[in-house]
Amino acid sequence: EENQRELDWCDVVVIGPGLGVSGKSRERAQWFLSRASQAGKPIILDADGLNLLSQHPEWLPYLNEQAIVTPHLGEMSRLCGKTIGEIQHKMAETALEFSRKTKAVCVLKDACTVVADAKGRAYLNMSGNAGMATAGSGDVLTGILAAVLCMYLSSWEKGPEQGKKAALGVYLHGRSGDLAAEKYGMHSMTARDLVRMLSEAIRRKEERL
């Protein structure tokens, strides 16, 4: 009953950060993933959400055009069965293959993150820097992606456009990192600094539109 209230209340379901992989976490993750999929709500899978998905491939049918997965190379390796070297050699192809298989948008994270959708479109993100390889940075990205989805829930078409929304979120995350590096230094910036610079990244993006 509590789960249903939370699902009814939210606009976007994020599964993964801080979740853990215990039996209780697995049950809760499966409940939200299956029910959100049935309800047609956007879903973002990250961190332990992806670890659980790799352990339970029978969950893959829950993914659809409204879902976004955000694996780093290690998580992608567990999801698709390829080595990290194989994935690095064919980043776009790997992301596109996963998207075509599941219909979900795949945000394959690396130095140059690839965003792929089931329509065969791939976006290569060039914003960001090495200083963003810091604890919590991935959680910030997940939060930005959720915020972007909420921002455009009523103004953009669902389905095929989900990839563009994800690409925008990835860009803003990287741009925030670039601005944080300028202000705080690449070697001392933290995930909190990315959040501090997000509004400036959005403002500069709006100026270019």
Protein backbone atom coordinates (compact mmCIF):
# COMPACT_ATOMS: atom_id res chain seq x y z
CA GLU A 1 0.00 0.00 0.00
CA GLU A 2 2.84 2.40 0.87
CA ASN A 3 4.62 1.50 -2.38
CA GLN A 4 1.46 2.21 -4.36
CA ARG A 5 1.04 5.63 -2.73
CA GLU A 6 4.63 6.52 -3.61
CA LEU A 7 4.17 5.34 -7.18
CA ASP A 8 0.93 7.28 -7.61
CA TRP A 9 2.56 10.42 -6.21
CA CYS A 10 5.72 10.50 -8.34
CA ASP A 11 6.26 11.59 -11.94
CA VAL A 12 9.54 9.68 -12.46
CA VAL A 13 10.75 6.48 -10.79
CA VAL A 14 14.48 6.23 -9.99
CA ILE A 15 15.72 2.79 -8.93
CA GLY A 16 19.26 2.16 -7.74
CA PRO A 17 21.21 4.80 -5.78
CA GLY A 18 21.64 3.63 -2.19
CA LEU A 19 19.37 0.64 -2.78
CA GLY A 20 21.60 -2.33 -2.00
CA VAL A 21 21.10 -5.84 -3.35
CA SER A 22 19.51 -7.62 -0.39
CA GLY A 23 16.41 -9.73 -0.78
CA LYS A 24 14.21 -6.90 0.44
CA SER A 25 15.87 -4.47 -1.97
CA ARG A 26 15.34 -6.92 -4.81
CA GLU A 27 11.64 -7.28 -4.02
CA ARG A 28 11.15 -3.53 -3.76
CA ALA A 29 13.05 -2.87 -6.99
CA GLN A 30 11.06 -5.46 -8.91
CA TRP A 31 7.77 -4.10 -7.58
CA PHE A 32 8.50 -0.53 -8.63
CA LEU A 33 10.03 -1.55 -11.96
CA SER A 34 7.09 -3.73 -12.94
CA ARG A 35 4.36 -1.38 -11.71
CA ALA A 36 5.97 1.76 -13.15
CA SER A 37 6.32 -0.02 -16.48
CA GLN A 38 2.64 -0.99 -16.42
CA ALA A 39 1.66 2.57 -15.50
CA GLY A 40 3.74 4.05 -18.33
CA LYS A 41 5.84 6.16 -15.96
CA PRO A 42 9.42 7.11 -16.84
CA ILE A 43 11.98 4.89 -15.11
CA ILE A 44 15.68 5.51 -14.50
CA LEU A 45 17.83 2.53 -13.53
CA ASP A 46 21.25 3.23 -12.02
CA ALA A 47 23.78 1.69 -9.63
CA ASP A 48 22.28 -1.23 -7.69
CA GLY A 49 19.21 -1.10 -9.90
CA LEU A 50 21.50 -2.14 -12.75
CA ASN A 51 23.28 -4.71 -10.61
CA LEU A 52 19.94 -6.31 -9.78
CA LEU A 53 18.89 -6.17 -13.42
CA SER A 54 22.04 -8.03 -14.47
CA GLN A 55 21.27 -10.69 -11.84
CA HIS A 56 17.66 -10.97 -13.01
CA PRO A 57 17.51 -10.86 -16.83
CA GLU A 58 13.86 -11.89 -16.56
CA TRP A 59 13.24 -8.25 -15.60
CA LEU A 60 14.34 -6.98 -19.03
CA PRO A 61 10.77 -7.07 -20.44
CA TYR A 62 9.84 -4.41 -17.87
CA LEU A 63 12.00 -1.94 -19.79
CA ASN A 64 10.35 0.14 -22.50
CA GLU A 65 10.66 3.45 -24.38
CA GLN A 66 10.08 5.38 -21.15
CA ALA A 67 13.03 3.75 -19.37
CA ILE A 68 16.60 5.06 -19.13
CA VAL A 69 19.52 2.90 -17.99
CA THR A 70 22.80 4.55 -16.97
CA PRO A 71 25.54 1.90 -16.81
CA HIS A 72 29.24 2.55 -16.51
CA LEU A 73 31.52 0.13 -18.33
CA GLY A 74 31.57 -2.48 -15.57
CA GLU A 75 27.80 -2.46 -15.21
CA MET A 76 27.37 -2.67 -18.98
CA SER A 77 29.72 -5.65 -19.07
CA ARG A 78 27.52 -7.49 -16.58
CA LEU A 79 24.36 -6.53 -18.48
CA CYS A 80 25.45 -7.58 -21.96
CA GLY A 81 28.11 -10.23 -21.29
CA LYS A 82 30.88 -8.42 -23.19
CA THR A 83 34.28 -7.55 -21.77
CA ILE A 84 35.04 -3.96 -20.86
CA GLY A 85 37.61 -3.88 -23.66
CA GLU A 86 35.04 -5.00 -26.20
CA ILE A 87 32.61 -2.35 -25.00
CA GLN A 88 35.22 0.43 -25.11
CA HIS A 89 36.11 -0.56 -28.66
CA LYS A 90 32.47 -0.26 -29.78
CA MET A 91 30.74 2.11 -27.37
CA ALA A 92 27.99 3.36 -29.68
CA GLU A 93 27.31 -0.07 -31.14
CA THR A 94 27.02 -1.63 -27.67
CA ALA A 95 24.64 1.06 -26.42
CA LEU A 96 22.52 0.86 -29.58
CA GLU A 97 22.36 -2.93 -29.39
CA PHE A 98 21.10 -2.79 -25.81
CA SER A 99 18.54 -0.12 -26.67
CA ARG A 100 17.21 -2.07 -29.63
CA LYS A 101 16.94 -5.19 -27.47
CA THR A 102 15.12 -3.53 -24.56
CA LYS A 103 13.61 -0.37 -26.16
CA ALA A 104 15.13 1.61 -23.28
CA VAL A 105 17.43 4.60 -23.70
CA CYS A 106 20.99 3.59 -22.83
CA VAL A 107 23.33 6.16 -21.27
CA LEU A 108 26.68 4.36 -21.49
CA LYS A 109 29.03 6.29 -19.23
CA ASP A 110 32.72 6.81 -19.98
CA ALA A 111 35.01 9.76 -20.70
CA CYS A 112 32.75 10.47 -23.69
CA THR A 113 29.31 9.22 -22.71
CA VAL A 114 27.10 7.71 -25.42
CA VAL A 115 23.31 8.08 -25.33
CA ALA A 116 21.45 5.64 -27.59
CA ASP A 117 17.77 4.97 -28.24
CA ALA A 118 15.79 2.17 -29.84
CA LYS A 119 15.27 4.18 -33.03
CA GLY A 120 18.97 3.79 -33.84
CA ARG A 121 20.05 7.28 -32.82
CA ALA A 122 23.23 7.79 -30.81
CA TYR A 123 24.49 11.00 -29.21
CA LEU A 124 28.12 11.47 -28.15
CA ASN A 125 28.55 13.87 -25.25
CA MET A 126 31.69 16.01 -25.27
CA SER A 127 31.10 18.04 -22.09
CA GLY A 128 32.71 17.05 -18.80
CA ASN A 129 36.23 16.37 -17.54
CA ALA A 130 38.35 13.93 -15.54
CA GLY A 131 37.61 15.75 -12.27
CA MET A 132 34.08 14.39 -12.42
CA ALA A 133 35.36 10.90 -11.56
CA THR A 134 34.47 11.57 -7.94
CA ALA A 135 32.12 9.96 -5.43
CA GLY A 136 28.50 10.91 -5.99
CA SER A 137 28.92 12.24 -9.53
CA GLY A 138 26.82 9.42 -10.97
CA ASP A 139 24.07 10.10 -8.44
CA VAL A 140 24.04 13.74 -9.53
CA LEU A 141 23.63 12.64 -13.15
CA THR A 142 20.69 10.44 -12.21
CA GLY A 143 19.07 13.34 -10.38
CA ILE A 144 19.59 15.66 -13.35
CA LEU A 145 18.08 13.10 -15.72
CA ALA A 146 15.03 12.75 -13.47
CA ALA A 147 14.67 16.54 -13.30
CA VAL A 148 14.87 16.89 -17.08
CA LEU A 149 12.21 14.22 -17.54
CA CYS A 150 9.92 16.03 -15.09
CA MET A 151 10.61 19.37 -16.75
CA TYR A 152 9.44 18.16 -20.15
CA LEU A 153 6.71 15.70 -19.16
CA SER A 154 3.94 17.72 -20.80
CA SER A 155 5.81 19.61 -23.50
CA TRP A 156 7.76 16.91 -25.39
CA GLU A 157 6.47 13.74 -26.93
CA LYS A 158 7.15 10.58 -24.98
CA GLY A 159 8.85 7.52 -26.44
CA PRO A 160 11.29 8.39 -29.22
CA GLU A 161 12.14 11.78 -27.70
CA GLN A 162 13.33 10.21 -24.45
CA GLY A 163 16.80 9.89 -25.95
CA LYS A 164 17.00 13.64 -26.55
CA LYS A 165 15.96 14.34 -22.98
CA ALA A 166 18.64 11.98 -21.72
CA ALA A 167 21.24 13.60 -23.99
CA LEU A 168 20.32 17.02 -22.59
CA GLY A 169 20.68 15.74 -19.03
CA VAL A 170 24.08 14.22 -19.78
CA TYR A 171 25.24 17.46 -21.41
CA LEU A 172 24.10 19.59 -18.44
CA HIS A 173 25.86 17.22 -16.04
CA GLY A 174 29.10 17.51 -18.00
CA ARG A 175 28.77 21.28 -18.43
CA SER A 176 28.23 21.65 -14.69
CA GLY A 177 31.44 19.69 -14.22
CA ASP A 178 33.33 21.97 -16.59
CA LEU A 179 32.09 25.06 -14.75
CA ALA A 180 32.95 23.47 -11.40
CA ALA A 181 36.47 22.70 -12.63
CA GLU A 182 36.91 26.35 -13.64
CA LYS A 183 35.76 27.59 -10.24
CA TYR A 184 37.06 24.99 -7.79
CA GLY A 185 39.81 23.18 -9.71
CA MET A 186 39.62 19.81 -11.40
CA HIS A 187 41.43 17.98 -8.61
CA SER A 188 39.41 19.37 -5.70
CA MET A 189 35.87 19.53 -7.09
CA THR A 190 33.19 17.37 -5.51
CA ALA A 191 29.77 16.10 -6.55
CA ARG A 192 28.24 18.90 -4.50
CA ASP A 193 30.10 21.40 -6.70
CA LEU A 194 28.35 19.96 -9.75
CA VAL A 195 25.01 20.72 -8.13
CA ARG A 196 26.16 24.24 -7.29
CA MET A 197 27.02 24.94 -10.93
CA LEU A 198 23.94 23.33 -12.47
CA SER A 199 21.83 26.50 -12.60
CA GLU A 200 24.65 28.32 -14.40
CA ALA A 201 24.98 25.47 -16.89
CA ILE A 202 21.24 25.67 -17.59
CA ARG A 203 21.39 29.46 -17.96
CA ARG A 204 24.21 29.27 -20.50
CA LYS A 205 22.37 26.57 -22.43
CA GLU A 206 19.24 28.72 -22.56
CA GLU A 207 21.25 31.65 -23.92
CA ARG A 208 22.31 29.51 -26.89
CA LEU A 209 18.75 28.49 -27.81
